[in-house]
N, C-alpha and C. Protein backbone atom coordinates (compact mmCIF):
# COMPACT_ATOMS: atom_id res chain seq x y z
N UNK A 1 -35.73 -21.38 -34.88
CA UNK A 1 -34.85 -22.32 -34.23
C UNK A 1 -33.44 -21.73 -34.13
N UNK A 2 -33.00 -21.06 -35.19
CA UNK A 2 -31.68 -20.46 -35.21
C UNK A 2 -31.57 -19.38 -34.13
N UNK A 3 -32.62 -18.58 -33.98
CA UNK A 3 -32.63 -17.53 -32.97
C UNK A 3 -32.55 -18.12 -31.57
N UNK A 4 -33.24 -19.23 -31.35
CA UNK A 4 -33.25 -19.88 -30.06
C UNK A 4 -31.86 -20.38 -29.69
N UNK A 5 -31.16 -20.96 -30.64
CA UNK A 5 -29.80 -21.44 -30.41
C UNK A 5 -28.86 -20.28 -30.09
N UNK A 6 -29.00 -19.18 -30.82
CA UNK A 6 -28.15 -18.01 -30.57
C UNK A 6 -28.41 -17.45 -29.18
N UNK A 7 -29.67 -17.37 -28.77
CA UNK A 7 -30.01 -16.85 -27.45
C UNK A 7 -29.47 -17.77 -26.36
N UNK A 8 -29.58 -19.08 -26.55
CA UNK A 8 -29.08 -20.03 -25.55
C UNK A 8 -27.57 -19.93 -25.42
N UNK A 9 -26.88 -19.82 -26.54
CA UNK A 9 -25.42 -19.68 -26.52
C UNK A 9 -25.01 -18.39 -25.83
N UNK A 10 -25.72 -17.32 -26.09
CA UNK A 10 -25.42 -16.03 -25.46
C UNK A 10 -25.59 -16.12 -23.94
N UNK A 11 -26.64 -16.78 -23.51
CA UNK A 11 -26.87 -16.94 -22.07
C UNK A 11 -25.75 -17.73 -21.42
N UNK A 12 -25.30 -18.80 -22.06
CA UNK A 12 -24.21 -19.60 -21.51
C UNK A 12 -22.92 -18.79 -21.40
N UNK A 13 -22.64 -17.97 -22.40
CA UNK A 13 -21.44 -17.13 -22.38
C UNK A 13 -21.53 -16.13 -21.23
N UNK A 14 -22.69 -15.51 -21.05
CA UNK A 14 -22.85 -14.52 -19.98
C UNK A 14 -22.72 -15.19 -18.61
N UNK A 15 -23.30 -16.36 -18.42
CA UNK A 15 -23.18 -17.06 -17.14
C UNK A 15 -21.74 -17.47 -16.86
N UNK A 16 -21.05 -17.92 -17.88
CA UNK A 16 -19.65 -18.31 -17.72
C UNK A 16 -18.79 -17.12 -17.32
N UNK A 17 -19.03 -15.98 -17.93
CA UNK A 17 -18.28 -14.77 -17.60
C UNK A 17 -18.56 -14.34 -16.17
N UNK A 18 -19.80 -14.42 -15.74
CA UNK A 18 -20.16 -14.04 -14.37
C UNK A 18 -19.47 -14.95 -13.37
N UNK A 19 -19.40 -16.24 -13.65
CA UNK A 19 -18.75 -17.18 -12.74
C UNK A 19 -17.25 -16.93 -12.64
N UNK A 20 -16.62 -16.61 -13.76
CA UNK A 20 -15.19 -16.30 -13.75
C UNK A 20 -14.94 -15.05 -12.93
N UNK A 21 -15.75 -14.03 -13.10
CA UNK A 21 -15.60 -12.78 -12.35
C UNK A 21 -15.78 -13.03 -10.86
N UNK A 22 -16.78 -13.81 -10.50
CA UNK A 22 -17.03 -14.09 -9.09
C UNK A 22 -15.87 -14.88 -8.48
N UNK A 23 -15.31 -15.82 -9.23
CA UNK A 23 -14.17 -16.60 -8.73
C UNK A 23 -12.96 -15.71 -8.52
N UNK A 24 -12.70 -14.78 -9.45
CA UNK A 24 -11.58 -13.86 -9.31
C UNK A 24 -11.76 -12.97 -8.08
N UNK A 25 -12.95 -12.49 -7.86
CA UNK A 25 -13.23 -11.61 -6.72
C UNK A 25 -13.03 -12.36 -5.41
N UNK A 26 -13.49 -13.60 -5.35
CA UNK A 26 -13.33 -14.41 -4.14
C UNK A 26 -11.86 -14.69 -3.89
N UNK A 27 -11.10 -15.00 -4.93
CA UNK A 27 -9.67 -15.27 -4.77
C UNK A 27 -8.96 -14.04 -4.24
N UNK A 28 -9.32 -12.87 -4.70
CA UNK A 28 -8.72 -11.63 -4.22
C UNK A 28 -8.97 -11.42 -2.74
N UNK A 29 -10.18 -11.73 -2.28
CA UNK A 29 -10.51 -11.58 -0.86
C UNK A 29 -9.69 -12.56 -0.04
N UNK A 30 -9.50 -13.79 -0.54
CA UNK A 30 -8.72 -14.78 0.18
C UNK A 30 -7.28 -14.33 0.32
N UNK A 31 -6.72 -13.74 -0.74
CA UNK A 31 -5.35 -13.27 -0.70
C UNK A 31 -5.21 -12.14 0.31
N UNK A 32 -6.19 -11.23 0.37
CA UNK A 32 -6.14 -10.13 1.33
C UNK A 32 -6.19 -10.68 2.75
N UNK A 33 -7.03 -11.67 2.99
CA UNK A 33 -7.14 -12.26 4.32
C UNK A 33 -5.83 -12.93 4.71
N UNK A 34 -5.21 -13.66 3.77
CA UNK A 34 -3.95 -14.32 4.05
C UNK A 34 -2.87 -13.30 4.37
N UNK A 35 -2.80 -12.20 3.62
CA UNK A 35 -1.76 -11.20 3.86
C UNK A 35 -1.97 -10.50 5.19
N UNK A 36 -3.22 -10.29 5.62
CA UNK A 36 -3.45 -9.66 6.92
C UNK A 36 -3.04 -10.60 8.04
N UNK A 37 -3.17 -11.90 7.84
CA UNK A 37 -2.72 -12.87 8.85
C UNK A 37 -1.21 -12.79 8.98
N UNK A 38 -0.50 -12.65 7.84
CA UNK A 38 0.95 -12.56 7.86
C UNK A 38 1.41 -11.34 8.65
N UNK A 39 0.75 -10.21 8.45
CA UNK A 39 1.10 -8.99 9.16
C UNK A 39 0.90 -9.17 10.65
N UNK A 40 -0.22 -9.78 11.05
CA UNK A 40 -0.49 -10.00 12.46
C UNK A 40 0.56 -10.91 13.07
N UNK A 41 0.96 -11.96 12.38
CA UNK A 41 1.92 -12.89 12.94
C UNK A 41 3.29 -12.22 13.02
N UNK A 42 3.64 -11.35 12.08
CA UNK A 42 4.90 -10.64 12.14
C UNK A 42 4.95 -9.75 13.37
N UNK A 43 3.86 -9.07 13.67
CA UNK A 43 3.82 -8.17 14.81
C UNK A 43 3.93 -8.95 16.11
N UNK A 44 3.24 -10.06 16.21
CA UNK A 44 3.25 -10.82 17.46
C UNK A 44 4.58 -11.52 17.68
N UNK A 45 5.28 -11.93 16.62
CA UNK A 45 6.54 -12.64 16.78
C UNK A 45 7.67 -11.70 17.16
N UNK A 46 7.52 -10.41 16.92
CA UNK A 46 8.58 -9.46 17.22
C UNK A 46 7.99 -8.29 17.99
N UNK A 47 7.48 -8.57 19.17
CA UNK A 47 6.74 -7.59 19.95
C UNK A 47 7.59 -6.41 20.39
N UNK A 48 8.92 -6.58 20.49
CA UNK A 48 9.76 -5.49 20.95
C UNK A 48 9.93 -4.40 19.89
N UNK A 49 9.68 -4.72 18.63
CA UNK A 49 9.78 -3.75 17.54
C UNK A 49 8.41 -3.16 17.27
N UNK A 50 8.31 -1.84 17.31
CA UNK A 50 7.02 -1.19 17.12
C UNK A 50 6.59 -1.23 15.66
N UNK A 51 7.49 -1.06 14.74
CA UNK A 51 7.16 -1.06 13.32
C UNK A 51 8.42 -1.29 12.51
N UNK A 52 8.25 -1.40 11.21
CA UNK A 52 9.41 -1.65 10.39
C UNK A 52 10.05 -0.33 9.94
N UNK A 53 11.28 -0.41 9.51
CA UNK A 53 12.03 0.75 9.06
C UNK A 53 11.59 1.11 7.65
N UNK A 54 11.54 2.39 7.35
CA UNK A 54 11.12 2.82 6.02
C UNK A 54 12.19 2.45 5.00
N UNK A 55 11.77 1.74 3.96
CA UNK A 55 12.69 1.36 2.88
C UNK A 55 12.18 1.79 1.51
N UNK A 56 10.89 2.15 1.42
CA UNK A 56 10.33 2.56 0.13
C UNK A 56 9.79 3.98 0.19
N UNK A 57 9.84 4.64 -0.94
CA UNK A 57 9.34 6.00 -1.08
C UNK A 57 7.81 5.97 -1.05
N UNK A 58 7.18 6.80 -0.20
CA UNK A 58 5.72 6.78 -0.14
C UNK A 58 5.06 7.40 -1.38
N UNK A 59 5.83 8.13 -2.17
CA UNK A 59 5.28 8.79 -3.36
C UNK A 59 5.34 7.86 -4.57
N UNK A 60 6.53 7.37 -4.89
CA UNK A 60 6.74 6.57 -6.10
C UNK A 60 6.85 5.07 -5.83
N UNK A 61 7.11 4.69 -4.58
CA UNK A 61 7.21 3.28 -4.25
C UNK A 61 8.58 2.67 -4.49
N UNK A 62 9.53 3.48 -4.96
CA UNK A 62 10.88 2.97 -5.20
C UNK A 62 11.70 2.93 -3.92
N UNK A 63 12.93 2.46 -4.04
CA UNK A 63 13.83 2.40 -2.89
C UNK A 63 14.22 3.80 -2.48
N UNK A 64 14.25 4.06 -1.17
CA UNK A 64 14.58 5.41 -0.69
C UNK A 64 16.06 5.69 -0.81
N UNK A 65 16.40 6.97 -0.85
CA UNK A 65 17.77 7.45 -0.77
C UNK A 65 17.87 8.13 0.59
N UNK A 66 18.66 7.57 1.51
CA UNK A 66 18.76 8.09 2.87
C UNK A 66 19.28 9.53 2.91
N UNK A 67 19.81 10.02 1.81
CA UNK A 67 20.30 11.40 1.76
C UNK A 67 19.21 12.39 1.33
N UNK A 68 18.05 11.88 0.91
CA UNK A 68 16.97 12.75 0.45
C UNK A 68 15.76 12.53 1.36
N UNK A 69 15.46 13.56 2.15
CA UNK A 69 14.35 13.45 3.10
C UNK A 69 13.79 14.82 3.38
N UNK A 70 12.62 14.81 4.02
CA UNK A 70 12.00 16.05 4.46
C UNK A 70 11.56 15.84 5.91
N UNK A 71 11.88 16.83 6.74
CA UNK A 71 11.42 16.82 8.12
C UNK A 71 10.16 17.66 8.19
N UNK A 72 9.05 17.02 8.49
CA UNK A 72 7.76 17.71 8.48
C UNK A 72 6.86 17.12 9.56
N UNK A 73 6.16 17.98 10.27
CA UNK A 73 5.24 17.55 11.33
C UNK A 73 5.95 16.68 12.36
N UNK A 74 7.22 16.99 12.63
CA UNK A 74 7.99 16.25 13.63
C UNK A 74 8.46 14.88 13.17
N UNK A 75 8.31 14.58 11.89
CA UNK A 75 8.70 13.27 11.36
C UNK A 75 9.69 13.46 10.22
N UNK A 76 10.55 12.48 10.02
CA UNK A 76 11.49 12.49 8.91
C UNK A 76 11.01 11.47 7.89
N UNK A 77 10.67 11.95 6.71
CA UNK A 77 10.18 11.09 5.64
C UNK A 77 11.22 11.04 4.52
N UNK A 78 11.70 9.84 4.24
CA UNK A 78 12.67 9.63 3.18
C UNK A 78 11.94 9.39 1.87
N UNK A 79 12.55 9.84 0.77
CA UNK A 79 11.98 9.64 -0.55
C UNK A 79 13.06 9.11 -1.49
N UNK A 80 12.66 8.79 -2.71
CA UNK A 80 13.60 8.20 -3.66
C UNK A 80 14.36 9.26 -4.47
N UNK A 81 13.75 10.42 -4.65
CA UNK A 81 14.39 11.46 -5.47
C UNK A 81 13.91 12.84 -5.02
N UNK A 82 14.60 13.86 -5.46
CA UNK A 82 14.24 15.22 -5.07
C UNK A 82 12.86 15.64 -5.58
N UNK A 83 12.41 15.05 -6.66
CA UNK A 83 11.09 15.37 -7.21
C UNK A 83 9.96 14.98 -6.27
N UNK A 84 10.19 13.99 -5.42
CA UNK A 84 9.15 13.54 -4.49
C UNK A 84 9.03 14.44 -3.26
N UNK A 85 10.04 15.25 -3.00
CA UNK A 85 9.99 16.14 -1.84
C UNK A 85 8.81 17.09 -1.91
N UNK A 86 8.56 17.65 -3.10
CA UNK A 86 7.45 18.61 -3.26
C UNK A 86 6.10 17.95 -3.00
N UNK A 87 5.94 16.71 -3.42
CA UNK A 87 4.68 16.01 -3.20
C UNK A 87 4.43 15.80 -1.71
N UNK A 88 5.46 15.41 -0.97
CA UNK A 88 5.30 15.19 0.47
C UNK A 88 5.03 16.52 1.17
N UNK A 89 5.74 17.56 0.75
CA UNK A 89 5.55 18.88 1.36
C UNK A 89 4.13 19.40 1.11
N UNK A 90 3.58 19.12 -0.07
CA UNK A 90 2.23 19.60 -0.43
C UNK A 90 1.14 18.89 0.35
N UNK A 91 1.33 17.61 0.68
CA UNK A 91 0.28 16.85 1.39
C UNK A 91 0.93 15.84 2.34
N UNK A 92 1.58 16.32 3.40
CA UNK A 92 2.31 15.41 4.29
C UNK A 92 1.43 14.36 4.95
N UNK A 93 0.20 14.71 5.31
CA UNK A 93 -0.69 13.76 5.98
C UNK A 93 -0.95 12.53 5.11
N UNK A 94 -1.09 12.73 3.82
CA UNK A 94 -1.35 11.64 2.88
C UNK A 94 -0.18 10.63 2.91
N UNK A 95 1.04 11.13 2.87
CA UNK A 95 2.20 10.25 2.79
C UNK A 95 2.56 9.65 4.15
N UNK A 96 2.27 10.37 5.22
CA UNK A 96 2.45 9.81 6.56
C UNK A 96 1.49 8.63 6.72
N UNK A 97 0.25 8.79 6.28
CA UNK A 97 -0.74 7.72 6.38
C UNK A 97 -0.32 6.51 5.54
N UNK A 98 0.20 6.75 4.35
CA UNK A 98 0.66 5.64 3.50
C UNK A 98 1.71 4.82 4.23
N UNK A 99 2.68 5.51 4.82
CA UNK A 99 3.74 4.80 5.54
C UNK A 99 3.20 4.06 6.76
N UNK A 100 2.32 4.71 7.50
CA UNK A 100 1.74 4.06 8.68
C UNK A 100 0.91 2.84 8.29
N UNK A 101 0.18 2.94 7.18
CA UNK A 101 -0.61 1.80 6.71
C UNK A 101 0.28 0.62 6.31
N UNK A 102 1.52 0.92 5.92
CA UNK A 102 2.47 -0.13 5.56
C UNK A 102 3.16 -0.70 6.80
N UNK A 103 2.85 -0.13 7.98
CA UNK A 103 3.46 -0.61 9.21
C UNK A 103 4.82 -0.02 9.49
N UNK A 104 5.14 1.09 8.82
CA UNK A 104 6.44 1.73 8.98
C UNK A 104 6.44 2.58 10.25
N UNK A 105 7.50 2.44 11.03
CA UNK A 105 7.72 3.31 12.19
C UNK A 105 8.51 4.51 11.67
N UNK A 106 7.82 5.63 11.49
CA UNK A 106 8.46 6.81 10.91
C UNK A 106 9.40 7.44 11.93
N UNK A 107 10.62 7.73 11.47
CA UNK A 107 11.62 8.35 12.34
C UNK A 107 11.14 9.72 12.79
N UNK A 108 11.51 10.08 14.00
CA UNK A 108 11.23 11.43 14.48
C UNK A 108 12.29 12.36 13.90
N UNK A 109 11.85 13.55 13.52
CA UNK A 109 12.79 14.55 13.01
C UNK A 109 13.62 15.06 14.19
N UNK A 110 14.92 15.23 13.99
CA UNK A 110 15.72 15.77 15.09
C UNK A 110 15.28 17.18 15.45
N UNK A 111 15.36 17.51 16.72
CA UNK A 111 14.96 18.85 17.16
C UNK A 111 15.91 19.88 16.57
N UNK A 112 15.36 20.99 16.12
CA UNK A 112 16.18 22.07 15.56
C UNK A 112 16.99 22.71 16.67
N UNK A 113 18.22 23.08 16.33
CA UNK A 113 19.08 23.76 17.31
C UNK A 113 18.50 25.12 17.63
N UNK A 114 18.35 25.42 18.90
CA UNK A 114 17.83 26.74 19.27
C UNK A 114 18.95 27.54 19.90
N UNK A 115 19.42 28.57 19.18
CA UNK A 115 20.54 29.40 19.66
C UNK A 115 20.10 30.80 19.88
């Protein structure tokens, strides 16, 4: 009888844990859907703007320093510190994609003077 009670209690605990996990997963999907709706409405309400201005570092996620940037692949990518320059230089496609996925309109790098 004691074993039966322990097994029943264990089953209830496992089912409860599974339900909590499923509820958390569903809530996460709802939040993602809501955030994608916000992005779509932002784009439609301001159709003249192609994308937003870069304000965060694609490497560390901090606020950018407009004095620290790298011109690569015809684009100007701002970063938060000099340490992030090497990361962008090593894999520019990765960081360009991060910015584009955030909806950032990446500035074009100025053309080099040809003398």
